[in-house]
N, C-alpha and C. Protein backbone atom coordinates (compact mmCIF):
# COMPACT_ATOMS: atom_id res chain seq x y z
N UNK A 1 108.66 82.36 105.16
CA UNK A 1 107.64 83.17 105.67
C UNK A 1 106.33 82.85 104.97
N UNK A 2 106.15 82.50 103.73
CA UNK A 2 104.89 82.14 103.16
C UNK A 2 104.10 81.00 103.93
N UNK A 3 104.95 79.94 104.14
CA UNK A 3 104.27 78.81 104.83
C UNK A 3 103.89 78.91 106.37
N UNK A 4 104.18 80.07 106.85
CA UNK A 4 103.88 80.23 108.09
C UNK A 4 102.52 81.20 108.22
N UNK A 5 101.93 81.49 107.08
CA UNK A 5 100.75 82.54 107.06
C UNK A 5 99.63 81.81 106.40
N UNK A 6 98.48 81.89 106.98
CA UNK A 6 97.19 81.59 106.26
C UNK A 6 96.52 82.92 106.02
N UNK A 7 96.08 83.12 104.89
CA UNK A 7 95.22 84.13 104.47
C UNK A 7 93.88 84.13 104.86
N UNK A 8 93.40 85.20 105.49
CA UNK A 8 91.75 84.97 105.86
C UNK A 8 91.07 86.22 105.23
N UNK A 9 90.23 85.89 104.33
CA UNK A 9 89.43 86.75 103.63
C UNK A 9 88.14 86.98 104.34
N UNK A 10 88.03 88.17 104.82
CA UNK A 10 86.91 88.56 105.59
C UNK A 10 85.73 88.95 104.69
N UNK A 11 84.62 88.02 104.81
CA UNK A 11 83.44 88.27 104.19
C UNK A 11 82.26 87.94 104.94
N UNK A 12 82.36 88.16 106.23
CA UNK A 12 81.29 87.94 107.15
C UNK A 12 80.33 89.09 107.59
N UNK A 13 80.48 90.10 106.89
CA UNK A 13 79.80 91.37 107.31
C UNK A 13 78.36 91.41 106.65
N UNK A 14 77.58 92.39 107.07
CA UNK A 14 76.24 92.56 106.76
C UNK A 14 76.01 93.46 105.58
N UNK A 15 77.12 94.34 105.24
CA UNK A 15 77.14 95.32 104.11
C UNK A 15 75.89 96.24 104.17
N UNK A 16 75.62 96.82 105.35
CA UNK A 16 74.36 97.65 105.53
C UNK A 16 74.26 98.88 104.48
N UNK A 17 75.61 99.37 104.25
CA UNK A 17 75.61 100.52 103.36
C UNK A 17 75.33 100.23 101.99
N UNK A 18 75.47 98.87 101.71
CA UNK A 18 75.36 98.32 100.28
C UNK A 18 73.69 97.68 100.21
N UNK A 19 73.03 98.05 101.17
CA UNK A 19 71.68 97.39 101.06
C UNK A 19 71.57 95.81 101.61
N UNK A 20 72.65 95.53 102.22
CA UNK A 20 72.67 94.17 102.74
C UNK A 20 73.23 93.12 101.59
N UNK A 21 73.54 93.52 100.39
CA UNK A 21 74.19 92.70 99.56
C UNK A 21 75.43 92.06 100.00
N UNK A 22 75.64 90.77 99.73
CA UNK A 22 76.96 90.04 100.03
C UNK A 22 78.05 90.82 99.03
N UNK A 23 78.88 91.57 99.69
CA UNK A 23 79.72 92.30 98.91
C UNK A 23 80.80 91.43 98.17
N UNK A 24 81.16 90.27 98.87
CA UNK A 24 82.19 89.51 98.07
C UNK A 24 81.76 88.74 96.86
N UNK A 25 80.36 88.75 96.73
CA UNK A 25 79.77 88.10 95.57
C UNK A 25 79.33 89.07 94.42
N UNK A 26 79.54 90.37 94.73
CA UNK A 26 79.11 91.39 93.67
C UNK A 26 80.06 91.21 92.44
N UNK A 27 79.66 91.24 91.33
CA UNK A 27 80.33 91.26 90.05
C UNK A 27 81.12 92.38 89.80
N UNK A 28 82.43 92.21 89.48
CA UNK A 28 83.36 93.26 89.21
C UNK A 28 84.18 92.79 88.12
N UNK A 29 83.75 93.51 86.89
CA UNK A 29 84.39 93.26 85.63
C UNK A 29 84.15 91.78 85.38
N UNK A 30 83.04 91.35 85.67
CA UNK A 30 82.46 90.05 85.34
C UNK A 30 82.92 88.86 86.10
N UNK A 31 83.49 89.23 87.22
CA UNK A 31 83.95 88.17 88.28
C UNK A 31 83.45 88.49 89.54
N UNK A 32 83.29 87.59 90.44
CA UNK A 32 82.77 87.94 91.91
C UNK A 32 84.06 88.78 92.52
N UNK A 33 83.60 89.77 93.49
CA UNK A 33 84.78 90.52 94.02
C UNK A 33 85.76 89.67 94.74
N UNK A 34 85.30 88.66 95.48
CA UNK A 34 86.17 87.99 96.32
C UNK A 34 87.19 87.20 95.40
N UNK A 35 86.79 86.97 94.06
CA UNK A 35 87.76 86.21 93.39
C UNK A 35 88.99 87.19 93.06
N UNK A 36 88.65 88.24 92.91
CA UNK A 36 89.89 89.34 92.65
C UNK A 36 90.69 89.24 93.85
N UNK A 37 90.04 89.40 95.09
CA UNK A 37 90.83 89.34 96.30
C UNK A 37 91.77 88.01 96.49
N UNK A 38 90.98 87.07 96.22
CA UNK A 38 91.78 85.64 96.37
C UNK A 38 92.96 85.52 95.48
N UNK A 39 92.78 86.08 94.25
CA UNK A 39 93.78 85.99 93.00
C UNK A 39 95.07 86.76 93.57
N UNK A 40 94.80 87.99 94.33
CA UNK A 40 95.89 88.87 94.82
C UNK A 40 96.64 88.19 96.03
N UNK A 41 95.95 87.51 96.89
CA UNK A 41 96.46 86.93 98.02
C UNK A 41 96.99 85.59 97.95
N UNK A 42 96.50 84.81 96.95
CA UNK A 42 96.94 83.39 97.02
C UNK A 42 98.41 83.21 96.78
N UNK A 43 99.29 83.89 96.11
CA UNK A 43 100.77 83.63 95.93
C UNK A 43 101.47 84.18 97.17
N UNK A 44 100.96 84.79 98.12
CA UNK A 44 101.62 85.32 99.14
C UNK A 44 101.47 84.51 100.52
N UNK A 45 100.53 83.47 100.46
CA UNK A 45 100.42 82.72 101.79
C UNK A 45 100.43 81.28 101.39
N UNK A 46 100.47 80.60 102.63
CA UNK A 46 100.35 79.09 102.57
C UNK A 46 99.02 78.58 101.89
N UNK A 47 97.95 78.94 102.51
CA UNK A 47 96.82 78.70 102.04
C UNK A 47 95.69 79.77 102.44
N UNK A 48 94.44 79.65 102.03
CA UNK A 48 93.31 80.74 102.41
C UNK A 48 92.19 80.13 102.96
N UNK A 49 91.60 80.86 103.86
CA UNK A 49 90.16 80.47 104.41
C UNK A 49 89.30 81.75 104.22
N UNK A 50 88.10 81.49 103.88
CA UNK A 50 87.12 82.55 103.68
C UNK A 50 86.22 82.57 104.97
N UNK A 51 86.13 83.79 105.56
CA UNK A 51 85.23 83.87 106.79
C UNK A 51 83.83 84.52 106.18
N UNK A 52 83.01 83.62 106.14
CA UNK A 52 81.60 84.05 105.76
C UNK A 52 80.37 83.53 106.49
N UNK A 53 79.36 84.28 106.67
CA UNK A 53 78.30 83.99 107.51
C UNK A 53 77.08 83.65 106.85
N UNK A 54 77.05 83.78 105.52
CA UNK A 54 75.91 83.44 104.61
C UNK A 54 76.52 82.96 103.29
N UNK A 55 75.74 82.44 102.31
CA UNK A 55 76.20 82.09 101.05
C UNK A 55 77.38 81.11 101.16
N UNK A 56 77.50 80.38 102.20
CA UNK A 56 78.69 79.68 102.33
C UNK A 56 78.98 78.69 101.10
N UNK A 57 77.98 78.11 100.66
CA UNK A 57 78.15 77.12 99.52
C UNK A 57 78.70 77.81 98.39
N UNK A 58 78.41 79.08 98.02
CA UNK A 58 78.98 79.90 96.98
C UNK A 58 80.28 80.16 97.31
N UNK A 59 80.71 80.48 98.40
CA UNK A 59 82.22 80.77 98.87
C UNK A 59 82.98 79.53 98.82
N UNK A 60 82.34 78.38 99.15
CA UNK A 60 83.06 77.17 99.08
C UNK A 60 83.45 76.74 97.64
N UNK A 61 82.61 77.19 96.71
CA UNK A 61 83.04 77.02 95.40
C UNK A 61 84.32 77.45 94.73
N UNK A 62 84.99 78.38 95.60
CA UNK A 62 86.10 78.93 95.22
C UNK A 62 87.44 78.02 95.58
N UNK A 63 87.03 76.90 96.24
CA UNK A 63 88.05 75.88 96.50
C UNK A 63 88.78 76.00 97.92
N UNK A 64 88.24 76.83 98.74
CA UNK A 64 89.02 77.00 100.08
C UNK A 64 87.92 76.78 101.22
N UNK A 65 88.61 76.56 102.32
CA UNK A 65 87.78 76.25 103.50
C UNK A 65 86.92 77.60 103.72
N UNK A 66 85.60 77.33 104.24
CA UNK A 66 84.74 78.55 104.68
C UNK A 66 84.59 78.39 106.03
N UNK A 67 84.77 79.39 106.83
CA UNK A 67 84.62 79.42 108.26
C UNK A 67 83.72 80.55 108.81
N UNK A 68 82.67 80.09 109.52
CA UNK A 68 81.62 81.14 109.95
C UNK A 68 82.18 81.61 111.30
N UNK A 69 81.64 82.80 111.67
CA UNK A 69 81.64 83.29 113.17
C UNK A 69 81.15 82.16 114.10
N UNK A 70 81.50 82.28 115.22
CA UNK A 70 81.09 81.22 116.31
C UNK A 70 79.81 81.83 116.87
N UNK A 71 79.57 83.08 116.79
CA UNK A 71 78.37 83.75 117.19
C UNK A 71 77.62 84.19 115.88
N UNK A 72 76.20 84.08 115.87
CA UNK A 72 75.59 84.39 114.63
C UNK A 72 75.21 85.77 114.55
N UNK A 73 75.65 86.58 115.46
CA UNK A 73 75.16 88.04 115.64
C UNK A 73 75.83 88.96 114.69
N UNK A 74 76.78 88.63 113.73
CA UNK A 74 77.48 89.58 112.89
C UNK A 74 78.26 90.38 113.98
N UNK A 75 79.19 90.12 114.68
CA UNK A 75 79.92 90.85 115.47
C UNK A 75 81.05 91.69 115.03
N UNK A 76 81.38 91.59 113.75
CA UNK A 76 82.29 92.55 113.07
C UNK A 76 83.60 91.76 112.62
N UNK A 77 84.66 92.51 112.25
CA UNK A 77 85.75 91.80 111.77
C UNK A 77 86.62 91.04 112.87
N UNK A 78 86.63 91.42 113.97
CA UNK A 78 87.28 90.78 115.10
C UNK A 78 86.83 89.14 115.18
N UNK A 79 85.36 89.03 115.05
CA UNK A 79 84.91 87.73 115.08
C UNK A 79 85.31 86.82 113.88
N UNK A 80 85.58 87.51 112.77
CA UNK A 80 86.06 86.84 111.56
C UNK A 80 87.54 86.57 111.75
N UNK A 81 88.40 87.45 112.47
CA UNK A 81 89.70 87.07 112.83
C UNK A 81 89.80 85.83 113.80
N UNK A 82 88.97 85.93 114.75
CA UNK A 82 89.05 84.70 115.68
C UNK A 82 88.69 83.36 114.94
N UNK A 83 87.70 83.49 114.15
CA UNK A 83 87.33 82.18 113.41
C UNK A 83 88.54 81.85 112.47
N UNK A 84 89.23 82.90 111.95
CA UNK A 84 90.39 82.48 111.02
C UNK A 84 91.51 81.83 111.94
N UNK A 85 91.82 82.41 113.16
CA UNK A 85 92.81 81.80 113.96
C UNK A 85 92.56 80.30 114.32
N UNK A 86 91.20 80.14 114.67
CA UNK A 86 90.76 78.82 114.95
C UNK A 86 90.88 77.79 113.70
N UNK A 87 90.71 78.31 112.54
CA UNK A 87 90.91 77.33 111.47
C UNK A 87 92.28 77.18 110.97
N UNK A 88 93.16 78.16 111.26
CA UNK A 88 94.52 78.17 110.64
C UNK A 88 95.42 77.15 111.43
N UNK A 89 96.29 76.60 110.46
CA UNK A 89 97.20 75.61 111.04
C UNK A 89 98.78 76.15 110.85
N UNK A 90 98.76 77.54 110.74
CA UNK A 90 100.03 78.26 110.63
C UNK A 90 100.20 79.12 111.88
N UNK A 91 101.40 79.69 111.98
CA UNK A 91 101.66 80.61 113.18
C UNK A 91 101.01 81.96 113.07
N UNK A 92 100.66 82.29 111.84
CA UNK A 92 100.15 83.68 111.65
C UNK A 92 99.01 83.64 110.72
N UNK A 93 98.14 84.67 110.84
CA UNK A 93 97.02 84.89 109.81
C UNK A 93 97.43 86.21 109.11
N UNK A 94 96.94 86.46 108.00
CA UNK A 94 96.99 87.67 107.26
C UNK A 94 95.40 87.98 106.89
N UNK A 95 94.93 89.03 107.40
CA UNK A 95 93.57 89.36 107.15
C UNK A 95 93.43 90.50 106.06
N UNK A 96 92.41 90.10 105.20
CA UNK A 96 92.04 91.28 104.15
C UNK A 96 90.55 91.18 103.92
N UNK A 97 89.95 92.41 103.56
CA UNK A 97 88.47 92.30 103.29
C UNK A 97 88.18 91.64 102.04
N UNK A 98 87.00 91.23 101.80
CA UNK A 98 86.59 90.61 100.64
C UNK A 98 86.40 91.49 99.42
N UNK A 99 86.39 92.74 99.53
CA UNK A 99 85.94 93.76 98.55
C UNK A 99 87.19 94.78 98.27
N UNK A 100 88.49 94.19 98.49
CA UNK A 100 89.53 95.09 98.01
C UNK A 100 90.34 94.32 96.95
N UNK A 101 89.99 94.63 95.63
CA UNK A 101 90.47 93.87 94.60
C UNK A 101 92.04 94.36 94.13
N UNK A 102 92.41 95.38 94.68
CA UNK A 102 93.71 95.92 94.19
C UNK A 102 94.89 95.80 95.25
N UNK A 103 94.87 94.61 96.03
CA UNK A 103 95.83 94.26 96.94
C UNK A 103 97.23 94.09 96.20
N UNK A 104 98.30 94.66 97.01
CA UNK A 104 99.67 94.64 96.36
C UNK A 104 100.19 93.40 96.56
N UNK A 105 101.06 92.96 95.54
CA UNK A 105 101.63 91.58 95.58
C UNK A 105 102.70 91.31 96.77
N UNK A 106 103.08 92.45 97.42
CA UNK A 106 104.03 92.34 98.57
C UNK A 106 103.43 92.71 99.86
N UNK A 107 102.15 92.52 99.89
CA UNK A 107 101.37 92.80 101.17
C UNK A 107 101.81 92.04 102.32
N UNK A 108 101.97 90.58 102.19
CA UNK A 108 102.21 89.77 103.11
C UNK A 108 103.84 89.92 103.50
N UNK A 109 104.68 90.26 102.51
CA UNK A 109 106.11 90.31 102.71
C UNK A 109 106.18 91.77 103.59
N UNK A 110 105.68 92.79 103.32
CA UNK A 110 105.77 93.99 103.98
C UNK A 110 105.42 93.87 105.55
N UNK A 111 104.18 93.29 105.69
CA UNK A 111 103.66 93.04 107.11
C UNK A 111 104.61 92.15 107.79
N UNK A 112 105.14 91.07 107.12
CA UNK A 112 105.99 90.17 107.80
C UNK A 112 107.34 90.82 108.13
N UNK A 113 107.86 91.75 107.28
CA UNK A 113 109.12 92.47 107.71
C UNK A 113 108.87 93.45 108.84
N UNK A 114 107.69 93.95 108.88
CA UNK A 114 107.34 94.80 110.09
C UNK A 114 107.38 93.81 111.46
N UNK A 115 106.88 92.74 111.23
CA UNK A 115 106.86 91.78 112.41
C UNK A 115 108.22 91.37 112.80
N UNK A 116 108.99 90.95 111.92
CA UNK A 116 110.50 90.51 112.06
C UNK A 116 111.11 91.68 112.97
N UNK A 117 111.07 92.89 112.39
CA UNK A 117 111.88 94.16 112.72
C UNK A 117 111.47 94.52 114.15
N UNK A 118 110.30 94.42 114.52
CA UNK A 118 109.83 94.93 115.74
C UNK A 118 109.44 93.92 116.81
N UNK A 119 109.19 92.51 116.25
CA UNK A 119 108.82 91.59 117.30
C UNK A 119 107.40 91.79 117.90
N UNK A 120 106.43 92.37 116.94
CA UNK A 120 105.23 92.70 117.49
C UNK A 120 104.35 91.42 117.43
N UNK A 121 103.26 91.48 118.20
CA UNK A 121 102.20 90.61 117.97
C UNK A 121 101.20 90.84 116.92
N UNK A 122 100.99 92.07 116.65
CA UNK A 122 100.13 92.56 115.72
C UNK A 122 100.92 93.52 114.76
N UNK A 123 100.75 93.39 113.40
CA UNK A 123 101.19 94.33 112.54
C UNK A 123 99.98 94.77 111.70
N UNK A 124 99.87 96.14 111.54
CA UNK A 124 98.68 96.68 110.75
C UNK A 124 99.21 97.46 109.62
N UNK A 125 98.51 97.62 108.57
CA UNK A 125 98.84 98.45 107.61
C UNK A 125 98.35 99.94 107.89
N UNK A 126 99.16 100.82 107.31
CA UNK A 126 98.84 102.29 107.52
C UNK A 126 99.01 102.97 106.34
N UNK A 127 98.10 103.78 105.71
CA UNK A 127 98.12 104.24 104.48
C UNK A 127 98.75 105.65 104.34
N UNK A 128 99.38 106.19 105.40
CA UNK A 128 99.85 107.35 105.61
C UNK A 128 99.04 108.49 106.11
N UNK A 129 97.88 108.05 106.13
CA UNK A 129 96.91 109.05 106.96
C UNK A 129 96.09 108.37 108.07
N UNK A 130 95.91 106.98 107.84
CA UNK A 130 95.03 106.34 108.88
C UNK A 130 95.43 104.95 108.89
N UNK A 131 95.06 104.29 110.03
CA UNK A 131 95.16 102.88 110.14
C UNK A 131 94.32 102.15 109.24
N UNK A 132 94.67 101.09 108.66
CA UNK A 132 93.62 100.28 107.87
C UNK A 132 93.61 98.87 108.69
N UNK A 133 92.73 98.95 109.65
CA UNK A 133 92.92 97.83 110.70
C UNK A 133 92.48 96.25 110.17
N UNK A 134 91.69 96.00 109.17
CA UNK A 134 91.49 94.80 108.42
C UNK A 134 92.59 94.27 107.63
N UNK A 135 93.55 94.92 107.24
CA UNK A 135 94.77 94.48 106.73
C UNK A 135 95.91 94.39 107.62
N UNK A 136 95.89 93.12 108.31
CA UNK A 136 96.73 92.79 109.39
C UNK A 136 97.40 91.54 109.50
N UNK A 137 98.57 91.39 110.11
CA UNK A 137 99.29 90.14 110.21
C UNK A 137 99.07 89.85 111.86
N UNK A 138 98.61 88.73 112.14
CA UNK A 138 98.36 88.47 113.56
C UNK A 138 98.98 87.13 114.05
N UNK A 139 99.52 87.03 115.19
CA UNK A 139 99.93 85.72 115.82
C UNK A 139 98.70 84.92 116.09
N UNK A 140 98.64 83.64 115.67
CA UNK A 140 97.49 82.89 116.03
C UNK A 140 97.39 82.46 117.55
N UNK A 141 98.48 82.71 118.30
CA UNK A 141 98.46 82.52 119.83
C UNK A 141 97.68 83.61 120.35
N UNK A 142 97.22 84.55 119.77
CA UNK A 142 96.33 85.54 120.34
C UNK A 142 94.90 85.21 120.31
N UNK A 143 94.52 84.09 120.01
CA UNK A 143 93.22 83.53 120.03
C UNK A 143 92.40 83.75 121.37
N UNK A 144 93.17 83.18 122.35
CA UNK A 144 92.51 83.22 123.67
C UNK A 144 92.23 84.71 124.24
N UNK A 145 93.24 85.69 123.75
CA UNK A 145 92.92 87.02 124.17
C UNK A 145 91.79 87.59 123.28
N UNK A 146 91.60 87.35 122.12
CA UNK A 146 90.50 87.77 121.32
C UNK A 146 89.36 87.23 121.71
N UNK A 147 89.28 85.91 122.14
CA UNK A 147 87.96 85.37 122.54
C UNK A 147 87.47 85.83 123.84
N UNK A 148 88.56 86.19 124.61
CA UNK A 148 87.98 86.89 126.03
C UNK A 148 87.55 88.19 125.69
N UNK A 149 88.13 89.10 124.80
CA UNK A 149 87.72 90.32 124.46
C UNK A 149 86.24 90.36 124.04
N UNK A 150 86.05 89.46 123.00
CA UNK A 150 84.82 89.34 122.30
C UNK A 150 83.75 88.78 123.30
N UNK A 151 84.09 87.84 124.23
CA UNK A 151 83.21 87.37 125.16
C UNK A 151 82.86 88.54 126.20
N UNK A 152 83.70 89.39 126.34
CA UNK A 152 83.39 90.51 127.47
C UNK A 152 82.60 91.52 126.69
N UNK A 153 82.15 91.38 125.39
CA UNK A 153 81.32 92.42 124.62
C UNK A 153 82.21 93.53 123.97
N UNK A 154 83.44 93.25 123.86
CA UNK A 154 84.38 94.06 123.11
C UNK A 154 84.19 93.99 121.50
N UNK A 155 84.13 95.13 120.88
CA UNK A 155 83.92 94.99 119.47
C UNK A 155 84.96 95.88 118.78
N UNK A 156 85.46 96.93 119.42
CA UNK A 156 86.43 97.83 118.64
C UNK A 156 87.66 97.32 118.30
N UNK A 157 88.12 97.16 117.22
CA UNK A 157 89.28 96.51 116.73
C UNK A 157 90.40 97.24 117.20
N UNK A 158 90.40 98.57 117.19
CA UNK A 158 91.81 99.33 117.48
C UNK A 158 91.94 99.21 119.08
N UNK A 159 90.88 99.08 119.77
CA UNK A 159 91.15 98.93 121.29
C UNK A 159 91.65 97.52 121.53
N UNK A 160 91.30 96.43 120.88
CA UNK A 160 91.97 95.14 121.13
C UNK A 160 93.38 95.15 120.53
N UNK A 161 93.69 95.87 119.43
CA UNK A 161 94.87 95.86 119.01
C UNK A 161 95.83 96.62 119.95
N UNK A 162 95.42 97.83 120.53
CA UNK A 162 96.09 98.39 121.55
C UNK A 162 96.40 97.66 122.76
N UNK A 163 95.86 96.62 123.01
CA UNK A 163 96.08 95.87 124.27
C UNK A 163 97.21 94.83 124.09
N UNK A 164 97.88 94.82 122.84
CA UNK A 164 98.97 93.95 122.57
C UNK A 164 100.23 94.95 121.84
N UNK A 165 101.25 94.20 121.77
CA UNK A 165 102.44 94.91 121.07
C UNK A 165 102.07 95.06 119.51
N UNK A 166 101.92 96.21 119.09
CA UNK A 166 101.50 96.61 117.69
C UNK A 166 102.45 97.41 117.14
N UNK A 167 102.68 97.07 115.78
CA UNK A 167 103.41 97.90 114.98
C UNK A 167 102.70 98.26 113.64
N UNK A 168 102.99 99.30 113.16
CA UNK A 168 102.35 99.91 111.84
C UNK A 168 103.31 99.64 110.70
N UNK A 169 102.82 99.25 109.62
CA UNK A 169 103.63 99.02 108.23
C UNK A 169 103.06 99.91 107.35
N UNK A 170 104.13 100.60 106.82
CA UNK A 170 103.89 101.73 105.94
C UNK A 170 103.46 101.43 104.64
N UNK A 171 102.21 101.72 104.20
CA UNK A 171 101.80 101.50 102.86
C UNK A 171 101.34 102.81 102.23
N UNK A 172 102.03 103.93 102.56
CA UNK A 172 101.46 105.20 101.95
C UNK A 172 101.79 105.29 100.62
N UNK A 173 102.71 104.47 99.97
CA UNK A 173 103.09 104.36 98.56
C UNK A 173 102.13 103.77 97.70
N UNK A 174 101.20 103.08 98.19
CA UNK A 174 100.23 102.18 97.44
C UNK A 174 98.86 102.21 98.09
N UNK A 175 98.37 103.39 98.15
CA UNK A 175 97.12 103.62 98.80
C UNK A 175 95.83 102.82 98.18
N UNK A 176 96.03 102.58 96.82
CA UNK A 176 95.01 101.92 96.17
C UNK A 176 94.78 100.57 96.77
N UNK A 177 95.59 99.98 97.37
CA UNK A 177 95.67 98.72 98.17
C UNK A 177 94.26 98.75 98.88
N UNK A 178 93.99 99.86 99.46
CA UNK A 178 92.85 99.80 100.40
C UNK A 178 91.45 100.35 99.84
N UNK A 179 91.34 100.38 98.53
CA UNK A 179 90.16 100.78 97.84
C UNK A 179 89.37 99.69 98.08
N UNK A 180 87.94 99.98 98.56
CA UNK A 180 87.08 98.93 98.62
C UNK A 180 85.64 99.45 98.31
N UNK A 181 84.72 98.60 98.58
CA UNK A 181 83.32 98.95 98.04
C UNK A 181 82.43 99.24 99.44
N UNK A 182 81.93 100.53 99.48
CA UNK A 182 80.94 100.75 100.39
C UNK A 182 79.52 101.23 99.93
N UNK A 183 79.51 101.76 98.72
CA UNK A 183 78.27 101.98 98.03
C UNK A 183 78.28 101.57 96.68
N UNK A 184 77.23 101.58 96.02
CA UNK A 184 77.27 101.02 94.57
C UNK A 184 78.04 101.82 93.66
N UNK A 185 78.30 103.06 93.77
CA UNK A 185 79.12 103.81 92.93
C UNK A 185 80.49 103.42 93.11
N UNK A 186 80.93 102.78 94.13
CA UNK A 186 82.30 102.52 94.25
C UNK A 186 82.55 101.27 93.45
N UNK A 187 81.62 100.42 93.03
CA UNK A 187 81.92 99.36 92.12
C UNK A 187 82.22 99.89 90.67
N UNK A 188 81.64 100.86 90.12
CA UNK A 188 81.91 101.40 88.90
C UNK A 188 83.32 102.02 88.92
N UNK A 189 83.75 102.82 89.90
CA UNK A 189 85.05 103.43 90.12
C UNK A 189 86.17 102.14 90.09
N UNK A 190 85.90 101.22 90.82
CA UNK A 190 86.84 100.13 90.82
C UNK A 190 87.06 99.48 89.32
N UNK A 191 85.87 99.26 88.68
CA UNK A 191 85.88 98.64 87.40
C UNK A 191 86.86 99.54 86.43
N UNK A 192 86.75 100.79 86.45
CA UNK A 192 87.60 101.66 85.65
C UNK A 192 88.98 101.40 86.06
N UNK A 193 89.29 101.39 87.25
CA UNK A 193 90.81 101.17 87.61
C UNK A 193 91.19 99.83 87.24
N UNK A 194 90.48 98.82 87.50
CA UNK A 194 90.92 97.46 87.11
C UNK A 194 91.02 97.26 85.52
N UNK A 195 90.05 97.89 84.76
CA UNK A 195 90.25 97.77 83.34
C UNK A 195 91.55 98.47 82.87
N UNK A 196 92.18 99.32 83.50
CA UNK A 196 93.43 100.13 83.20
C UNK A 196 94.76 99.22 83.64
N UNK A 197 94.45 98.46 84.57
CA UNK A 197 95.73 97.91 85.28
C UNK A 197 95.88 96.43 85.02
N UNK A 198 94.54 95.69 84.85
CA UNK A 198 94.75 94.07 85.00
C UNK A 198 93.83 93.52 84.16
N UNK A 199 94.10 92.47 83.50
CA UNK A 199 92.98 91.65 82.95
C UNK A 199 92.12 90.97 83.94
N UNK A 200 91.01 90.34 83.43
CA UNK A 200 90.23 89.49 84.44
C UNK A 200 90.94 88.34 84.97
N UNK A 201 90.79 88.06 86.14
CA UNK A 201 91.50 86.94 86.83
C UNK A 201 91.21 85.67 86.35
N UNK A 202 92.18 84.72 86.40
CA UNK A 202 92.04 83.37 86.06
C UNK A 202 91.24 82.60 87.10
N UNK A 203 90.80 81.37 86.83
CA UNK A 203 90.19 80.60 87.81
C UNK A 203 90.97 80.52 89.10
N UNK A 204 90.41 80.72 90.20
CA UNK A 204 91.25 80.75 91.50
C UNK A 204 91.06 79.33 92.28
N UNK A 205 89.99 78.61 91.96
CA UNK A 205 89.93 77.44 92.93
C UNK A 205 90.87 76.31 92.67
N UNK A 206 91.20 75.72 93.81
CA UNK A 206 92.12 74.62 93.74
C UNK A 206 91.71 73.54 94.62
N UNK A 207 92.41 72.46 94.58
CA UNK A 207 92.12 71.44 95.52
C UNK A 207 93.47 70.97 96.32
N UNK A 208 93.32 70.26 97.40
CA UNK A 208 94.54 69.82 97.98
C UNK A 208 95.13 70.78 99.04
N UNK A 209 94.57 72.06 99.18
CA UNK A 209 94.95 73.03 100.16
C UNK A 209 93.92 73.20 101.13
């Protein structure tokens, strides 16, 4: 399972609600936010790529490929997913946002089991109340469909998902998985949670992947 999945860290947004600050590079307990995300995702996948449209030199410092959107207009997470599919050399990609440091260690496994059980093209996490669309497992063969949707002006992620065979993976037992940063106060709240549950991450950069 692991060797069939490339993890795509979505860091290509403009973060308007954060005043345009690059969320993946915000310090959280003394480490960039994206480093926590990479640390949680790395054991679960074959390799990782970071989708970023700015500060690409800083993101490259984490030791993984950095892929930008093909369009410079900040078209949203679907554009990042398309960039991830183009870069991947695996049959699937697993997408996560750059500002979710509490990713569970079996995220990939649970999404994969959802895929195996239902034969879906798209498996998306659900927290028991709502869809969490940027936590998804996608077949890379969907790239043509996604590019066509984006080329036609489509931006709504749930609408594109609905055009394919989609299944929901139940994560109602671990809703902290989806905590992220939308405003400055969220950083302090996450730091409190992390200080109670986990030490600071070790260096995540690697070579040869």
